[in-house]
């Protein structure tokens, strides 16, 4: 699938979905930064919240952020100041990932057919990277294997002076 050909429409859906979530549930100001296709080895982060989907198309929706930003999101959602990265923070990032993926799925299903979502998975560490199976980089301590060497459509935002990304890896099922 040529992601470049549909990039603008999907980026618009991701922007709208993420902005609505931050306005209504997280209550943090959010500004769109940019969107681009990125090779998975260029994605470096501390926290990844992922939801995979299957159907006529399959892939992954991911939220990529620093631990500091994850703490801010969780604190705002729970309406209490969290001081350390714990299970509450992981749960909050999982929920954010799930809500973004669910809303993207709703918008994309209209154009690309029915999709089914997995439960969210949250991975936290330092210097995490993503790599396609069989191509494990040595630039990071932890690598997350993915099913594709295709580029991620990354949509970046700024909130609380932190940059974070919502990524989409999309493939047509055969």
Protein backbone atom coordinates (compact mmCIF):
# COMPACT_ATOMS: atom_id res chain seq x y z
CA UNK A 1 0.00 0.00 0.00
CA UNK A 2 1.24 3.46 -0.86
CA UNK A 3 0.93 5.27 2.47
CA UNK A 4 2.15 8.52 0.85
CA UNK A 5 -0.99 8.60 -1.29
CA UNK A 6 -3.32 8.55 1.71
CA UNK A 7 -1.06 10.31 4.21
CA UNK A 8 -2.90 13.65 4.29
CA UNK A 9 -6.29 12.08 5.04
CA UNK A 10 -4.98 9.79 7.76
CA UNK A 11 -2.87 12.57 9.28
CA UNK A 12 -6.00 14.73 9.44
CA UNK A 13 -7.86 11.90 11.22
CA UNK A 14 -5.00 11.45 13.72
CA UNK A 15 -4.81 15.21 14.37
CA UNK A 16 -8.57 15.49 14.95
CA UNK A 17 -8.76 12.39 17.13
CA UNK A 18 -5.77 13.34 19.29
CA UNK A 19 -6.87 16.98 19.66
CA UNK A 20 -10.38 15.93 20.74
CA UNK A 21 -8.96 13.50 23.30
CA UNK A 22 -6.63 16.10 24.79
CA UNK A 23 -9.40 18.72 24.90
CA UNK A 24 -12.03 16.48 26.51
CA UNK A 25 -10.25 13.84 28.60
CA UNK A 26 -6.68 14.87 29.29
CA UNK A 27 -7.20 18.62 29.60
CA UNK A 28 -3.77 19.59 28.32
CA UNK A 29 -3.16 22.08 25.55
CA UNK A 30 -2.09 20.37 22.35
CA UNK A 31 -0.50 21.78 19.20
CA UNK A 32 0.14 19.92 15.96
CA UNK A 33 3.81 19.97 14.96
CA UNK A 34 4.30 17.92 11.78
CA UNK A 35 3.77 14.58 10.07
CA UNK A 36 6.11 12.44 8.04
CA UNK A 37 6.94 8.92 6.99
CA UNK A 38 9.73 7.62 9.20
CA UNK A 39 11.87 4.52 9.09
CA UNK A 40 11.33 2.57 12.31
CA UNK A 41 14.99 2.85 13.31
CA UNK A 42 14.54 6.62 13.68
CA UNK A 43 11.85 6.28 16.36
CA UNK A 44 13.46 6.62 19.79
CA UNK A 45 11.34 6.98 22.90
CA UNK A 46 10.92 6.00 26.56
CA UNK A 47 7.28 4.92 26.47
CA UNK A 48 5.29 3.19 23.73
CA UNK A 49 1.56 2.54 23.98
CA UNK A 50 0.39 0.31 21.12
CA UNK A 51 -2.84 -1.13 19.81
CA UNK A 52 -2.77 -3.46 16.83
CA UNK A 53 -5.64 -3.95 14.42
CA UNK A 54 -6.69 -6.54 11.87
CA UNK A 55 -9.17 -6.61 9.02
CA UNK A 56 -8.93 -5.73 5.35
CA UNK A 57 -5.93 -3.72 6.54
CA UNK A 58 -3.77 -4.55 9.53
CA UNK A 59 -1.22 -2.62 11.50
CA UNK A 60 -0.40 -0.79 14.68
CA UNK A 61 -1.37 2.55 16.20
CA UNK A 62 1.30 3.73 18.63
CA UNK A 63 1.72 6.59 21.07
CA UNK A 64 5.39 7.48 21.60
CA UNK A 65 6.45 9.79 24.43
CA UNK A 66 8.97 10.49 27.17
CA UNK A 67 8.44 9.25 30.73
CA UNK A 68 8.14 12.89 31.80
CA UNK A 69 5.27 13.50 29.38
CA UNK A 70 3.59 10.20 30.32
CA UNK A 71 3.62 11.38 33.96
CA UNK A 72 1.98 14.69 32.95
CA UNK A 73 -0.72 12.90 30.95
CA UNK A 74 -1.47 10.44 33.76
CA UNK A 75 -1.48 13.20 36.39
CA UNK A 76 -3.95 15.23 34.37
CA UNK A 77 -6.21 12.25 33.64
CA UNK A 78 -6.23 11.12 37.28
CA UNK A 79 -6.45 14.70 38.59
CA UNK A 80 -3.59 14.12 41.02
CA UNK A 81 0.11 14.85 40.84
CA UNK A 82 2.05 11.66 40.21
CA UNK A 83 5.73 11.77 41.14
CA UNK A 84 6.98 8.46 39.80
CA UNK A 85 6.47 6.29 36.76
CA UNK A 86 4.24 3.46 37.99
CA UNK A 87 1.35 1.22 36.92
CA UNK A 88 -1.09 4.17 37.00
CA UNK A 89 1.04 5.92 34.38
CA UNK A 90 1.23 2.78 32.24
CA UNK A 91 -2.55 2.33 32.52
CA UNK A 92 -3.11 5.96 31.48
CA UNK A 93 -0.87 5.62 28.41
CA UNK A 94 -2.62 2.35 27.55
CA UNK A 95 -5.97 4.09 27.78
CA UNK A 96 -4.78 7.03 25.67
CA UNK A 97 -3.48 4.58 23.05
CA UNK A 98 -6.75 2.68 23.12
CA UNK A 99 -8.90 5.81 22.74
CA UNK A 100 -6.80 7.18 19.88
CA UNK A 101 -6.76 3.79 18.11
CA UNK A 102 -10.51 3.36 18.60
CA UNK A 103 -11.30 6.74 17.10
CA UNK A 104 -8.85 6.25 14.22
CA UNK A 105 -10.41 2.83 13.59
CA UNK A 106 -13.87 4.38 13.39
CA UNK A 107 -12.70 6.96 10.85
CA UNK A 108 -10.61 4.51 8.83
CA UNK A 109 -13.28 1.77 8.78
CA UNK A 110 -15.47 4.04 6.68
CA UNK A 111 -12.77 4.11 3.98
CA UNK A 112 -10.82 0.88 4.46
CA UNK A 113 -13.31 -1.68 5.77
CA UNK A 114 -14.00 -3.22 9.16
CA UNK A 115 -11.11 -3.43 11.62
CA UNK A 116 -10.72 -5.22 14.94
CA UNK A 117 -8.52 -3.82 17.72
CA UNK A 118 -6.29 -5.63 20.19
CA UNK A 119 -5.96 -4.63 23.82
CA UNK A 120 -3.34 -1.93 24.42
CA UNK A 121 0.25 -2.84 25.25
CA UNK A 122 2.52 -0.38 27.06
CA UNK A 123 6.29 -0.73 27.01
CA UNK A 124 8.51 1.56 29.06
CA UNK A 125 12.27 1.81 29.27
CA UNK A 126 15.05 4.07 28.12
CA UNK A 127 16.02 4.62 24.51
CA UNK A 128 13.44 2.20 23.11
CA UNK A 129 13.40 1.67 19.36
CA UNK A 130 11.28 -0.33 16.94
CA UNK A 131 12.66 -2.65 14.32
CA UNK A 132 11.36 -5.04 11.71
CA UNK A 133 11.86 -8.74 12.41
CA UNK A 134 15.34 -9.84 11.44
CA UNK A 135 16.79 -6.33 11.48
CA UNK A 136 17.64 -5.65 15.12
CA UNK A 137 19.67 -2.45 15.48
CA UNK A 138 22.51 -2.16 17.97
CA UNK A 139 21.86 1.51 18.69
CA UNK A 140 19.49 0.95 21.61
CA UNK A 141 19.34 -1.29 24.64
CA UNK A 142 15.80 -2.41 23.92
CA UNK A 143 14.23 -3.14 20.55
CA UNK A 144 10.60 -3.90 19.76
CA UNK A 145 10.17 -6.20 16.79
CA UNK A 146 7.48 -5.33 14.29
CA UNK A 147 6.04 -7.23 11.32
CA UNK A 148 7.00 -4.78 8.62
CA UNK A 149 9.90 -2.82 7.22
CA UNK A 150 7.43 -0.24 5.89
CA UNK A 151 7.70 3.31 7.21
CA UNK A 152 5.56 4.59 10.06
CA UNK A 153 3.29 7.55 9.43
CA UNK A 154 4.26 9.67 12.43
CA UNK A 155 2.15 12.64 13.47
CA UNK A 156 3.90 14.81 16.04
CA UNK A 157 2.37 17.12 18.61
CA UNK A 158 3.66 19.46 21.30
CA UNK A 159 2.05 19.68 24.72
CA UNK A 160 3.52 20.93 27.99
CA UNK A 161 6.73 21.77 26.07
CA UNK A 162 7.13 18.07 25.22
CA UNK A 163 7.06 16.57 21.74
CA UNK A 164 5.27 13.26 21.33
CA UNK A 165 4.11 11.20 18.40
CA UNK A 166 1.14 9.17 17.28
CA UNK A 167 2.30 6.62 14.75
CA UNK A 168 0.48 4.39 12.31
CA UNK A 169 1.85 1.34 10.55
CA UNK A 170 -0.66 0.21 7.92
CA UNK A 171 -0.59 -2.76 5.54
CA UNK A 172 -3.21 -4.29 3.29
CA UNK A 173 -4.09 -7.83 4.38
CA UNK A 174 -3.72 -10.48 1.71
